[in-house]
Amino acid sequence: MSKDAVRIIPLGGLGEIGKNMTIVEYGGKIVVVDCGLAFPRDEMPGIDLVLPDVSYLIERQDDLLGFLITHGHEDHFGALPYILRQVNAPVYASRLTLAFAKSKLDEHRMLRLVEINEVDEHTQLELGPFRVTFVAVSHSVPDALSVVIETPLGAVVATGDYKFDHTPIDGRVTDVNRFAQLGERGVLALLADSTNADVPGSTASESTVGQSFHQIFAEAKGRVILACFASHIHRVQQAIQIAHLHGRRFAISGRSMVKNVNIARNLGYLNVPEGAMIKLHDIDDYKPEELLILSTGSQGEPLSALSRMAFDDHPQVALQPGDTVVISARPIPGNEVSVMNTVNRLLKSGAEVIYGEETGVHVSGHAAQEDQRMMLNLLKPRYFLPVHGEYRHQHVHAELARQSGLDDDHVLILENGDVLEIDAQGARVVDRVRAGKVFVDGFEIGDAEHVVLRDRQQLAEDGILIAVVTISLQTGASFAPPELVARGFLYNDDRQHQVLEQAGKVLEEKLAELAEEHVTGQRLLQEDVHDTLLAFIYKKTRRRPLIMPVIVEV
């Protein structure tokens, strides 16, 4: 490793959506941009959250100077309570982002154990060899920042999530002048959000959603139930104000929505007209046309408020004909099926459902192609790294950079774990570090190879087969025929009974062989029973149920 080199090491967020985390290293010291999580996909049964693997940071704990968080979305800060248990370092974030993070840390009883520091676009930090500053950017959550990490070799700029919104709800625009100044001074490397790299044109302003809300609130005959991300304070602000203009009060359903609205109100990021907010349990005291219900569940999450309404399982809100349900969000990749299942159930209840960007009830918080070109032209980086996106997004974003005048060898598509070294001679990938997935299951944390996930997948696909074998402790001979019990194995009960009967006979023959060879011992017998049954069952059914041998020695 060259001492006079900047090293950039992504631990998450490349080739995927979520768990954003990138290391910037110089002179043996480290700062980390973002500390995000991802949500599980369908092939991860029982998993609650997915975190980046921070083995490298654990090894370099003494060199870690801090976490620099760009904004208050969980794919950028949500892993903090889990990661800070393993590598404790100061956290730097804007006021609202820090409030969201503190709430999470408090839930995990870690708030007093962590050093937290509020920053804004005027802050300058001296962290070891780094001078860190921030740039105000517009996004779908207030107080978003880009991070500028100045090193002796030049500045590394991480945009975080951003868009160029010229009429933002809070009046806080992306600071184009500051980016232009950085570009004039020279930027060593740009790490830019690639989420919308395949979307042509420019991203529309958040204020355009308000126009659709006006029409919906004016035309709706009954209650309006609006689901969006709980962190989308700008969207919530518009819904509250426009509902108030149309004579509607609002109530909130969903724990995260209640929490974030309270945080935003207390900090002055959300303005609520006097008397506009009511308790959810009081909604029956008002006429349907006087109500707006703000809800979680825009991604079809099974236990969210909207899903419980859709499946008639909500304690306070029972859907009825005349209700208008607005899903004001785009499905995160992987959530499309869950969202459509929720939509189908909502329609069956008799509600009108408004969803999809073509209806005008959602605009993205991410820069589209023309915005990305603008960022490239403002900053004029020496090296460009497309981040925060699947490979297809990175690929298109890289092509946009080449069209903007960057040479091929100055546009670098990295993978999680790549170690990019930049020095006076150029930029090249010199190594790889461990950068996999870490799963959170309830309160347990395990790595991506954890056997429990494979077992759950097997159970979901082929069921379970329990084999109870009773043998002599001295000789290993069977005292009784093996007992086989299957669940979730075959649809046809007669076929299942026939296969299990045959399997029992094959197992009896195998146990007799083992007794003749005087094979005893729980572990050896379990392996033999497992392998014998697995081979026979697969030959007969082409299925691989989870086989659990139980050896009873008497």
Protein backbone atom coordinates (compact mmCIF):
# COMPACT_ATOMS: atom_id res chain seq x y z
CA MET A 1 0.00 0.00 0.00
CA SER A 2 1.38 3.35 -1.05
CA LYS A 3 1.49 5.85 1.84
CA ASP A 4 0.87 8.79 -0.51
CA ALA A 5 -2.33 7.38 -2.03
CA VAL A 6 -6.05 7.74 -1.52
CA ARG A 7 -7.83 4.42 -1.13
CA ILE A 8 -11.56 4.09 -1.79
CA ILE A 9 -13.19 0.85 -0.60
CA PRO A 10 -16.95 0.32 -1.02
CA LEU A 11 -18.36 -2.16 1.52
CA GLY A 12 -21.94 -1.88 0.24
CA GLY A 13 -24.24 -0.10 -2.21
CA LEU A 14 -22.51 -1.15 -5.45
CA GLY A 15 -24.26 -3.62 -7.72
CA GLU A 16 -27.29 -3.35 -5.43
CA ILE A 17 -29.82 -0.94 -3.94
CA GLY A 18 -29.22 -0.46 -0.22
CA LYS A 19 -26.62 -0.92 2.54
CA ASN A 20 -24.54 2.00 1.33
CA MET A 21 -21.13 2.26 2.96
CA THR A 22 -17.84 3.52 1.48
CA ILE A 23 -14.40 3.84 3.09
CA VAL A 24 -12.05 6.69 2.17
CA GLU A 25 -8.51 6.13 3.43
CA TYR A 26 -5.34 8.22 3.39
CA GLY A 27 -2.14 8.07 5.46
CA GLY A 28 -3.39 5.02 7.33
CA LYS A 29 -6.54 6.83 8.57
CA ILE A 30 -10.15 6.10 7.62
CA VAL A 31 -13.46 7.92 7.34
CA VAL A 32 -16.65 6.14 6.27
CA VAL A 33 -19.40 7.69 4.16
CA ASP A 34 -22.83 6.31 5.21
CA CYS A 35 -23.75 3.23 7.19
CA GLY A 36 -26.85 1.80 5.57
CA LEU A 37 -28.89 -1.38 5.56
CA ALA A 38 -30.97 -3.21 2.99
CA PHE A 39 -34.24 -5.06 3.32
CA PRO A 40 -34.44 -8.82 2.64
CA ARG A 41 -35.46 -10.28 -0.70
CA ASP A 42 -37.91 -13.15 -1.18
CA GLU A 43 -35.12 -15.74 -1.09
CA MET A 44 -34.20 -14.69 2.48
CA PRO A 45 -37.03 -16.25 4.56
CA GLY A 46 -37.21 -15.03 8.14
CA ILE A 47 -34.48 -12.42 7.71
CA ASP A 48 -35.37 -8.96 8.99
CA LEU A 49 -32.48 -6.80 7.74
CA VAL A 50 -29.31 -7.06 5.66
CA LEU A 51 -26.15 -5.24 6.75
CA PRO A 52 -22.74 -4.68 5.14
CA ASP A 53 -19.90 -6.87 6.38
CA VAL A 54 -17.50 -4.62 8.35
CA SER A 55 -14.75 -7.14 9.05
CA TYR A 56 -12.21 -4.76 7.49
CA LEU A 57 -13.32 -1.91 9.77
CA ILE A 58 -13.08 -4.17 12.81
CA GLU A 59 -9.47 -4.95 11.87
CA ARG A 60 -8.79 -1.21 11.42
CA GLN A 61 -10.77 0.03 14.44
CA ASP A 62 -7.89 2.15 15.75
CA ASP A 63 -7.61 4.01 12.41
CA LEU A 64 -11.32 4.83 12.08
CA LEU A 65 -12.04 8.56 12.59
CA GLY A 66 -15.79 8.70 12.03
CA PHE A 67 -18.95 7.95 10.07
CA LEU A 68 -20.17 10.74 7.75
CA ILE A 69 -23.91 10.26 7.08
CA THR A 70 -25.41 11.94 4.02
CA HIS A 71 -29.13 11.84 4.87
CA GLY A 72 -31.92 10.26 6.87
CA HIS A 73 -32.87 7.21 4.82
CA GLU A 74 -32.28 3.78 6.32
CA ASP A 75 -30.23 2.57 3.35
CA HIS A 76 -27.73 5.26 4.39
CA PHE A 77 -27.90 5.33 8.20
CA GLY A 78 -30.02 2.37 9.37
CA ALA A 79 -27.11 0.01 10.13
CA LEU A 80 -25.59 2.35 12.75
CA PRO A 81 -27.05 0.57 15.82
CA TYR A 82 -25.63 -2.75 14.62
CA ILE A 83 -22.27 -1.56 13.23
CA LEU A 84 -21.48 0.69 16.20
CA ARG A 85 -21.63 -2.36 18.48
CA GLN A 86 -18.64 -3.71 16.57
CA VAL A 87 -16.71 -0.53 15.67
CA ASN A 88 -17.42 2.48 17.84
CA ALA A 89 -16.55 5.80 16.20
CA PRO A 90 -18.03 9.33 16.14
CA VAL A 91 -21.06 9.93 13.91
CA TYR A 92 -21.46 13.17 11.92
CA ALA A 93 -24.83 14.05 10.36
CA SER A 94 -27.25 16.93 9.78
CA ARG A 95 -29.85 17.90 12.36
CA LEU A 96 -32.82 15.87 11.09
CA THR A 97 -30.67 12.91 10.03
CA LEU A 98 -29.11 12.87 13.48
CA ALA A 99 -32.56 12.97 15.11
CA PHE A 100 -33.65 9.90 13.13
CA ALA A 101 -30.37 8.15 13.97
CA LYS A 102 -30.62 9.02 17.68
CA SER A 103 -34.13 7.55 17.76
CA LYS A 104 -32.78 4.28 16.32
CA LEU A 105 -29.82 4.22 18.70
CA ASP A 106 -32.15 4.89 21.63
CA GLU A 107 -34.32 1.91 20.64
CA HIS A 108 -31.19 -0.24 20.83
CA ARG A 109 -30.11 1.36 24.14
CA MET A 110 -26.93 2.63 22.54
CA LEU A 111 -27.47 6.39 22.53
CA ARG A 112 -25.23 7.04 25.54
CA LEU A 113 -22.47 4.84 24.11
CA VAL A 114 -21.98 6.77 20.87
CA GLU A 115 -20.44 10.19 20.16
CA ILE A 116 -22.79 12.09 17.85
CA ASN A 117 -22.06 15.41 16.17
CA GLU A 118 -24.39 17.74 14.28
CA VAL A 119 -23.12 19.25 11.01
CA ASP A 120 -24.55 21.34 8.19
CA GLU A 121 -23.46 22.82 4.86
CA HIS A 122 -21.33 25.42 6.71
CA THR A 123 -19.41 22.91 8.86
CA GLN A 124 -15.68 22.26 8.44
CA LEU A 125 -14.14 19.25 10.18
CA GLU A 126 -10.49 18.40 10.66
CA LEU A 127 -10.32 14.61 11.00
CA GLY A 128 -6.72 13.40 10.92
CA PRO A 129 -5.37 13.99 7.40
CA PHE A 130 -8.86 14.87 6.11
CA ARG A 131 -10.63 18.20 5.89
CA VAL A 132 -14.35 17.41 5.61
CA THR A 133 -17.03 19.83 4.41
CA PHE A 134 -20.63 19.40 3.26
CA VAL A 135 -22.88 20.67 0.46
CA ALA A 136 -26.65 21.17 0.72
CA VAL A 137 -28.63 19.01 -1.73
CA SER A 138 -32.34 18.43 -2.39
CA HIS A 139 -33.70 14.95 -1.85
CA SER A 140 -36.93 13.31 -0.70
CA VAL A 141 -35.95 13.82 2.95
CA PRO A 142 -34.95 17.22 4.37
CA ASP A 143 -31.41 18.12 5.41
CA ALA A 144 -29.60 15.93 2.85
CA LEU A 145 -25.89 16.63 2.33
CA SER A 146 -23.13 15.73 -0.08
CA VAL A 147 -19.79 15.01 1.59
CA VAL A 148 -16.49 16.56 0.47
CA ILE A 149 -13.38 14.81 1.84
CA GLU A 150 -10.27 16.83 1.07
CA THR A 151 -6.94 14.97 1.04
CA PRO A 152 -3.40 16.11 0.13
CA LEU A 153 -4.01 14.57 -3.33
CA GLY A 154 -7.35 16.29 -3.91
CA ALA A 155 -11.02 16.20 -2.94
CA VAL A 156 -13.21 13.09 -2.92
CA VAL A 157 -16.87 14.07 -3.34
CA ALA A 158 -19.68 11.67 -2.39
CA THR A 159 -22.97 13.12 -3.62
CA GLY A 160 -25.24 10.93 -1.52
CA ASP A 161 -28.78 10.91 -2.91
CA TYR A 162 -29.67 14.17 -4.64
CA LYS A 163 -31.74 15.90 -7.30
CA PHE A 164 -31.85 19.41 -8.75
CA ASP A 165 -35.20 20.65 -7.43
CA HIS A 166 -35.65 24.35 -8.23
CA THR A 167 -38.93 24.65 -6.28
CA PRO A 168 -38.39 22.44 -3.21
CA ILE A 169 -41.03 22.39 -0.49
CA ASP A 170 -38.67 23.76 2.17
CA GLY A 171 -36.89 26.21 -0.18
CA ARG A 172 -33.54 24.44 0.32
CA VAL A 173 -32.11 23.94 -3.17
CA THR A 174 -29.09 21.93 -4.23
CA ASP A 175 -26.11 24.31 -3.93
CA VAL A 176 -25.05 24.51 -7.58
CA ASN A 177 -22.61 27.36 -6.90
CA ARG A 178 -20.71 25.36 -4.29
CA PHE A 179 -20.39 22.38 -6.64
CA ALA A 180 -19.14 24.72 -9.39
CA GLN A 181 -16.52 26.16 -7.00
CA LEU A 182 -15.36 22.65 -6.12
CA GLY A 183 -15.10 21.86 -9.82
CA GLU A 184 -12.95 24.95 -10.44
CA ARG A 185 -10.60 24.00 -7.60
CA GLY A 186 -10.34 20.42 -8.87
CA VAL A 187 -11.99 17.17 -7.74
CA LEU A 188 -9.90 14.03 -7.51
CA ALA A 189 -12.77 11.55 -7.47
CA LEU A 190 -16.57 11.77 -7.69
CA LEU A 191 -18.77 9.06 -6.18
CA ALA A 192 -22.25 9.80 -7.53
CA ASP A 193 -25.74 8.36 -7.02
CA SER A 194 -26.66 6.09 -9.96
CA THR A 195 -30.22 5.08 -8.98
CA ASN A 196 -31.94 6.86 -11.87
CA ALA A 197 -29.15 6.55 -14.45
CA ASP A 198 -31.54 4.73 -16.80
CA VAL A 199 -34.20 7.49 -16.57
CA PRO A 200 -33.93 10.11 -19.37
CA GLY A 201 -34.45 13.82 -18.83
CA SER A 202 -34.54 15.60 -15.47
CA THR A 203 -36.35 14.61 -12.30
CA ALA A 204 -39.50 16.64 -11.65
CA SER A 205 -39.85 18.89 -8.62
CA GLU A 206 -41.47 17.53 -5.47
CA SER A 207 -43.95 20.43 -5.68
CA THR A 208 -45.60 18.84 -8.75
CA VAL A 209 -47.02 16.12 -6.50
CA GLY A 210 -49.06 18.81 -4.73
CA GLN A 211 -51.01 19.48 -7.91
CA SER A 212 -52.18 15.86 -7.99
CA PHE A 213 -53.03 15.98 -4.29
CA HIS A 214 -55.26 19.04 -4.88
CA GLN A 215 -57.26 17.16 -7.49
CA ILE A 216 -57.53 13.98 -5.40
CA PHE A 217 -58.68 15.78 -2.24
CA ALA A 218 -61.20 17.84 -4.22
CA GLU A 219 -62.74 14.86 -6.02
CA ALA A 220 -62.65 12.19 -3.30
CA LYS A 221 -66.15 11.51 -1.93
CA GLY A 222 -64.92 9.79 1.22
CA ARG A 223 -61.75 9.35 3.26
CA VAL A 224 -58.33 9.68 1.65
CA ILE A 225 -55.72 7.22 2.92
CA LEU A 226 -52.25 8.22 1.77
CA ALA A 227 -49.28 5.87 2.14
CA CYS A 228 -45.71 7.08 1.68
CA PHE A 229 -42.30 6.63 3.27
CA ALA A 230 -42.34 7.83 6.86
CA SER A 231 -39.14 9.79 6.20
CA HIS A 232 -40.67 11.71 3.27
CA ILE A 233 -41.40 14.80 5.33
CA HIS A 234 -41.86 17.00 2.23
CA ARG A 235 -44.59 14.67 0.93
CA VAL A 236 -46.26 14.59 4.34
CA GLN A 237 -46.08 18.40 4.54
CA GLN A 238 -47.83 18.80 1.20
CA ALA A 239 -50.51 16.27 2.08
CA ILE A 240 -51.28 17.98 5.40
CA GLN A 241 -51.42 21.51 3.96
CA ILE A 242 -53.49 20.61 0.90
CA ALA A 243 -55.88 18.45 2.95
CA HIS A 244 -56.35 21.41 5.31
CA LEU A 245 -57.22 23.68 2.36
CA HIS A 246 -59.90 21.17 1.37
CA GLY A 247 -61.37 21.00 4.87
CA ARG A 248 -59.80 17.71 5.90
CA ARG A 249 -58.19 16.88 9.22
CA PHE A 250 -55.52 14.20 9.34
CA ALA A 251 -54.65 11.24 11.55
CA ILE A 252 -51.58 9.02 11.46
CA SER A 253 -51.36 5.22 11.32
CA GLY A 254 -48.07 3.35 11.56
CA ARG A 255 -45.38 3.46 14.23
CA SER A 256 -42.58 4.88 12.05
CA MET A 257 -44.89 7.55 10.60
CA VAL A 258 -45.96 8.66 14.09
CA LYS A 259 -42.35 8.77 15.25
CA ASN A 260 -40.97 10.69 12.26
CA VAL A 261 -43.82 13.20 12.17
CA ASN A 262 -43.27 13.93 15.86
CA ILE A 263 -39.51 14.35 15.34
CA ALA A 264 -40.00 16.63 12.32
CA ARG A 265 -42.63 18.74 14.13
CA ASN A 266 -40.47 19.14 17.22
CA LEU A 267 -37.48 20.26 15.14
CA GLY A 268 -39.50 22.64 12.98
CA TYR A 269 -39.21 20.68 9.71
CA LEU A 270 -42.98 20.05 9.58
CA ASN A 271 -45.64 22.74 10.00
CA VAL A 272 -49.07 21.55 11.09
CA PRO A 273 -52.03 23.98 10.97
CA GLU A 274 -53.81 24.53 14.27
CA GLY A 275 -56.42 21.84 14.90
CA ALA A 276 -55.55 19.90 11.74
CA MET A 277 -54.26 16.78 13.53
CA ILE A 278 -56.56 14.34 15.32
CA LYS A 279 -56.06 11.01 17.09
CA LEU A 280 -56.57 7.89 15.00
CA HIS A 281 -59.12 6.50 17.45
CA ASP A 282 -61.26 9.63 16.94
CA ILE A 283 -61.74 9.26 13.16
CA ASP A 284 -65.28 7.90 13.57
CA ASP A 285 -66.28 11.29 15.03
CA TYR A 286 -65.79 12.93 11.60
CA LYS A 287 -67.49 12.58 8.24
CA PRO A 288 -65.49 10.53 5.68
CA GLU A 289 -65.04 13.58 3.43
CA GLU A 290 -63.37 15.42 6.32
CA LEU A 291 -60.54 12.92 6.80
CA LEU A 292 -57.03 12.21 5.59
CA ILE A 293 -55.20 9.22 7.09
CA LEU A 294 -51.42 9.19 6.64
CA SER A 295 -50.13 5.63 6.65
CA THR A 296 -47.02 3.50 6.38
CA GLY A 297 -46.96 0.54 3.98
CA SER A 298 -46.17 2.03 0.58
CA GLN A 299 -43.87 -0.97 -0.07
CA GLY A 300 -46.45 -3.64 0.79
CA GLU A 301 -44.70 -4.56 4.05
CA PRO A 302 -46.76 -7.40 5.62
CA LEU A 303 -47.16 -5.82 9.08
CA SER A 304 -47.50 -2.20 7.95
CA ALA A 305 -50.62 -0.12 8.60
CA LEU A 306 -51.75 -0.15 4.94
CA SER A 307 -51.34 -3.93 4.60
CA ARG A 308 -53.34 -4.48 7.76
CA MET A 309 -56.09 -2.25 6.35
CA ALA A 310 -56.01 -4.17 3.06
CA PHE A 311 -56.39 -7.51 4.85
CA ASP A 312 -59.07 -6.20 7.24
CA ASP A 313 -56.77 -6.58 10.23
CA HIS A 314 -56.38 -2.96 11.36
CA PRO A 315 -57.75 -2.18 14.85
CA GLN A 316 -58.95 1.34 13.99
CA VAL A 317 -59.33 1.63 10.19
CA ALA A 318 -61.75 -0.65 8.35
CA LEU A 319 -61.80 0.11 4.62
CA GLN A 320 -65.16 0.89 3.06
CA PRO A 321 -66.54 1.75 -0.38
CA GLY A 322 -65.87 5.41 -1.09
CA ASP A 323 -62.36 5.38 0.41
CA THR A 324 -59.55 6.60 -1.85
CA VAL A 325 -56.16 5.02 -1.20
CA VAL A 326 -53.11 6.83 -2.59
CA ILE A 327 -49.80 4.95 -2.73
CA SER A 328 -47.35 7.84 -3.02
CA ALA A 329 -44.11 5.94 -3.64
CA ARG A 330 -42.36 3.80 -6.21
CA PRO A 331 -41.77 0.13 -5.29
CA ILE A 332 -38.18 -0.56 -4.32
CA PRO A 333 -36.77 -3.27 -6.64
CA GLY A 334 -37.91 -6.61 -5.19
CA ASN A 335 -41.06 -5.21 -3.56
CA GLU A 336 -43.23 -5.10 -6.69
CA VAL A 337 -45.13 -8.32 -5.89
CA SER A 338 -45.88 -7.24 -2.31
CA VAL A 339 -47.14 -3.85 -3.49
CA MET A 340 -49.41 -5.40 -6.15
CA ASN A 341 -50.80 -7.90 -3.62
CA THR A 342 -51.71 -4.97 -1.38
CA VAL A 343 -53.27 -3.08 -4.31
CA ASN A 344 -55.37 -6.13 -5.21
CA ARG A 345 -56.68 -6.48 -1.66
CA LEU A 346 -57.42 -2.75 -1.45
CA LEU A 347 -59.45 -2.90 -4.68
CA LYS A 348 -61.38 -5.93 -3.39
CA SER A 349 -62.42 -3.89 -0.35
CA GLY A 350 -64.17 -1.43 -2.66
CA ALA A 351 -61.66 1.38 -2.29
CA GLU A 352 -60.36 3.40 -5.23
CA VAL A 353 -56.58 2.97 -5.47
CA ILE A 354 -54.29 5.58 -7.05
CA TYR A 355 -50.69 4.50 -7.61
CA GLY A 356 -47.85 4.73 -10.13
CA GLU A 357 -45.80 7.72 -11.27
CA GLU A 358 -48.08 8.28 -14.27
CA THR A 359 -50.82 9.38 -11.82
CA GLY A 360 -48.61 12.22 -10.57
CA VAL A 361 -48.71 11.11 -6.91
CA HIS A 362 -44.98 10.41 -6.77
CA VAL A 363 -41.77 11.86 -8.13
CA SER A 364 -38.33 10.48 -7.49
CA GLY A 365 -35.81 11.97 -5.11
CA HIS A 366 -32.93 10.87 -7.33
CA ALA A 367 -31.21 12.63 -10.21
CA ALA A 368 -32.12 11.47 -13.74
CA GLN A 369 -29.70 11.46 -16.70
CA GLU A 370 -29.66 15.20 -17.44
CA ASP A 371 -29.18 15.97 -13.75
CA GLN A 372 -26.32 13.49 -13.58
CA ARG A 373 -24.69 15.10 -16.61
CA MET A 374 -25.04 18.45 -14.88
CA MET A 375 -23.31 17.16 -11.74
CA LEU A 376 -20.46 15.73 -13.84
CA ASN A 377 -20.05 19.02 -15.71
CA LEU A 378 -20.11 21.06 -12.51
CA LEU A 379 -17.51 19.00 -10.67
CA LYS A 380 -15.33 17.93 -13.63
CA PRO A 381 -13.73 15.10 -11.63
CA ARG A 382 -10.45 13.48 -12.56
CA TYR A 383 -11.89 10.04 -11.73
CA PHE A 384 -15.52 8.98 -11.66
CA LEU A 385 -17.09 6.12 -9.69
CA PRO A 386 -20.82 5.40 -10.19
CA VAL A 387 -22.21 4.16 -6.86
CA HIS A 388 -25.58 3.46 -5.23
CA GLY A 389 -27.22 1.26 -7.84
CA GLU A 390 -27.39 -2.11 -9.51
CA TYR A 391 -24.76 -2.88 -12.12
CA ARG A 392 -27.03 -1.73 -14.95
CA HIS A 393 -27.34 1.68 -13.28
CA GLN A 394 -23.58 1.92 -12.78
CA HIS A 395 -23.00 0.89 -16.40
CA VAL A 396 -25.30 3.60 -17.83
CA HIS A 397 -23.92 6.23 -15.44
CA ALA A 398 -20.38 5.36 -16.51
CA GLU A 399 -21.37 5.89 -20.14
CA LEU A 400 -22.83 9.30 -19.26
CA ALA A 401 -19.46 10.21 -17.72
CA ARG A 402 -17.61 9.19 -20.90
CA GLN A 403 -20.04 11.29 -22.96
CA SER A 404 -19.20 14.18 -20.64
CA GLY A 405 -15.54 13.96 -21.64
CA LEU A 406 -13.90 11.60 -19.15
CA ASP A 407 -11.40 9.11 -20.52
CA ASP A 408 -12.26 5.41 -20.31
CA ASP A 409 -9.51 4.67 -17.80
CA HIS A 410 -10.78 7.45 -15.55
CA VAL A 411 -14.27 5.91 -15.26
CA LEU A 412 -14.23 3.01 -12.82
CA ILE A 413 -17.07 0.59 -12.08
CA LEU A 414 -16.19 -1.05 -8.78
CA GLU A 415 -17.69 -3.95 -6.84
CA ASN A 416 -18.19 -4.14 -3.10
CA GLY A 417 -14.84 -5.04 -1.55
CA ASP A 418 -12.62 -3.61 -4.31
CA VAL A 419 -9.71 -1.52 -3.06
CA LEU A 420 -9.18 1.41 -5.44
CA GLU A 421 -5.88 3.19 -4.99
CA ILE A 422 -5.36 6.66 -6.49
CA ASP A 423 -1.93 8.31 -6.54
CA ALA A 424 0.20 10.46 -8.82
CA GLN A 425 0.59 7.52 -11.25
CA GLY A 426 -3.12 6.92 -11.71
CA ALA A 427 -5.99 4.84 -10.34
CA ARG A 428 -6.20 1.05 -10.15
CA VAL A 429 -7.81 -1.73 -8.13
CA VAL A 430 -4.98 -3.18 -6.05
CA ASP A 431 -6.75 -5.58 -3.68
CA ARG A 432 -10.04 -6.89 -2.33
CA VAL A 433 -11.37 -6.95 1.21
CA ARG A 434 -14.23 -8.97 2.64
CA ALA A 435 -17.52 -7.26 1.81
CA GLY A 436 -20.44 -9.65 1.97
CA LYS A 437 -23.89 -9.58 3.55
CA VAL A 438 -24.65 -9.89 7.24
CA PHE A 439 -28.18 -10.93 8.20
CA VAL A 440 -30.25 -9.71 11.14
CA ASP A 441 -32.81 -12.24 12.34
CA GLY A 442 -34.68 -10.74 15.30
CA PHE A 443 -31.87 -9.85 17.68
CA GLU A 444 -29.40 -12.32 16.15
CA ILE A 445 -26.72 -11.28 13.66
CA GLY A 446 -25.12 -13.87 11.38
CA ASP A 447 -23.08 -13.91 8.18
CA ALA A 448 -24.29 -14.68 4.68
CA GLU A 449 -23.26 -18.34 4.88
CA HIS A 450 -25.32 -18.98 8.02
CA VAL A 451 -26.89 -22.44 7.80
CA VAL A 452 -30.25 -21.21 9.13
CA LEU A 453 -31.00 -19.41 5.87
CA ARG A 454 -30.33 -22.50 3.77
CA ASP A 455 -32.52 -24.54 6.12
CA ARG A 456 -35.37 -22.05 5.79
CA GLN A 457 -35.12 -22.09 2.00
CA GLN A 458 -35.19 -25.89 2.03
CA LEU A 459 -38.19 -25.96 4.37
CA ALA A 460 -40.06 -23.49 2.17
CA GLU A 461 -39.38 -25.44 -1.02
CA ASP A 462 -39.52 -29.14 -0.02
CA GLY A 463 -40.76 -29.44 3.56
CA ILE A 464 -39.32 -31.49 6.43
CA LEU A 465 -38.87 -35.20 7.13
CA ILE A 466 -38.22 -36.37 10.71
CA ALA A 467 -36.79 -39.87 11.16
CA VAL A 468 -36.96 -41.36 14.67
CA VAL A 469 -34.66 -44.39 15.05
CA THR A 470 -34.55 -46.47 18.26
CA ILE A 471 -31.40 -48.61 18.67
CA SER A 472 -29.50 -50.61 21.28
CA LEU A 473 -26.81 -48.61 23.05
CA GLN A 474 -24.55 -51.70 23.19
CA THR A 475 -25.00 -53.31 19.76
CA GLY A 476 -26.51 -50.62 17.54
CA ALA A 477 -29.36 -52.99 16.52
CA SER A 478 -32.82 -51.54 15.94
CA PHE A 479 -35.42 -52.08 18.64
CA ALA A 480 -38.32 -51.04 16.39
CA PRO A 481 -38.94 -50.01 12.78
CA PRO A 482 -37.95 -46.40 12.05
CA GLU A 483 -40.75 -43.86 12.41
CA LEU A 484 -40.93 -41.27 9.60
CA VAL A 485 -43.00 -38.09 9.88
CA ALA A 486 -43.23 -35.56 7.03
CA ARG A 487 -44.67 -32.04 6.85
CA GLY A 488 -44.97 -29.86 3.73
CA PHE A 489 -43.47 -32.69 1.66
CA LEU A 490 -45.88 -34.08 -0.98
CA TYR A 491 -49.35 -32.81 -1.94
CA ASN A 492 -50.75 -36.31 -2.48
CA ASP A 493 -51.26 -38.01 0.91
CA ASP A 494 -51.44 -41.51 -0.62
CA ARG A 495 -48.23 -40.93 -2.57
CA GLN A 496 -46.54 -39.51 0.53
CA HIS A 497 -47.58 -42.55 2.60
CA GLN A 498 -46.26 -44.91 -0.09
CA VAL A 499 -42.91 -43.10 -0.38
CA LEU A 500 -42.43 -42.97 3.40
CA GLU A 501 -43.26 -46.69 3.71
CA GLN A 502 -40.64 -47.54 1.10
CA ALA A 503 -38.13 -45.14 2.71
CA GLY A 504 -38.69 -46.85 6.07
CA LYS A 505 -37.81 -50.25 4.58
CA VAL A 506 -34.66 -48.87 2.91
CA LEU A 507 -33.63 -47.29 6.21
CA GLU A 508 -34.25 -50.56 8.09
CA GLU A 509 -31.89 -52.36 5.70
CA LYS A 510 -29.25 -49.65 6.18
CA LEU A 511 -29.55 -49.84 9.98
CA ALA A 512 -29.14 -53.61 9.85
CA GLU A 513 -25.92 -53.14 7.84
CA LEU A 514 -24.64 -50.61 10.36
CA ALA A 515 -25.44 -52.94 13.27
CA GLU A 516 -23.44 -55.73 11.62
CA GLU A 517 -20.53 -53.31 11.26
CA HIS A 518 -21.02 -52.29 14.94
CA VAL A 519 -21.47 -48.64 14.00
CA THR A 520 -22.63 -46.73 17.08
CA GLY A 521 -22.51 -43.12 18.18
CA GLN A 522 -25.10 -40.44 17.63
CA ARG A 523 -23.21 -38.38 15.08
CA LEU A 524 -22.23 -41.23 12.75
CA LEU A 525 -25.71 -42.73 12.85
CA GLN A 526 -27.34 -39.35 12.17
CA GLU A 527 -25.14 -38.82 9.12
CA ASP A 528 -25.90 -42.30 7.75
CA VAL A 529 -29.65 -41.95 8.34
CA HIS A 530 -29.63 -38.49 6.71
CA ASP A 531 -27.65 -39.55 3.64
CA THR A 532 -29.65 -42.75 3.10
CA LEU A 533 -33.01 -40.99 3.27
CA LEU A 534 -31.90 -38.02 1.19
CA ALA A 535 -30.63 -40.23 -1.63
CA PHE A 536 -33.78 -42.40 -1.67
CA ILE A 537 -36.26 -39.52 -1.40
CA TYR A 538 -34.57 -37.56 -4.18
CA LYS A 539 -34.50 -40.63 -6.44
CA LYS A 540 -38.22 -41.20 -5.91
CA THR A 541 -39.57 -37.63 -5.85
CA ARG A 542 -36.85 -35.25 -7.11
CA ARG A 543 -37.35 -33.29 -3.87
CA ARG A 544 -34.90 -32.55 -1.08
CA PRO A 545 -36.81 -32.07 2.18
CA LEU A 546 -34.92 -30.98 5.30
CA ILE A 547 -34.15 -34.30 6.99
CA MET A 548 -33.85 -34.41 10.78
CA PRO A 549 -32.63 -37.75 12.17
CA VAL A 550 -33.49 -38.38 15.83
CA ILE A 551 -31.51 -41.26 17.38
CA VAL A 552 -32.96 -42.77 20.57
CA GLU A 553 -30.48 -45.07 22.33
CA VAL A 554 -31.90 -47.62 24.83
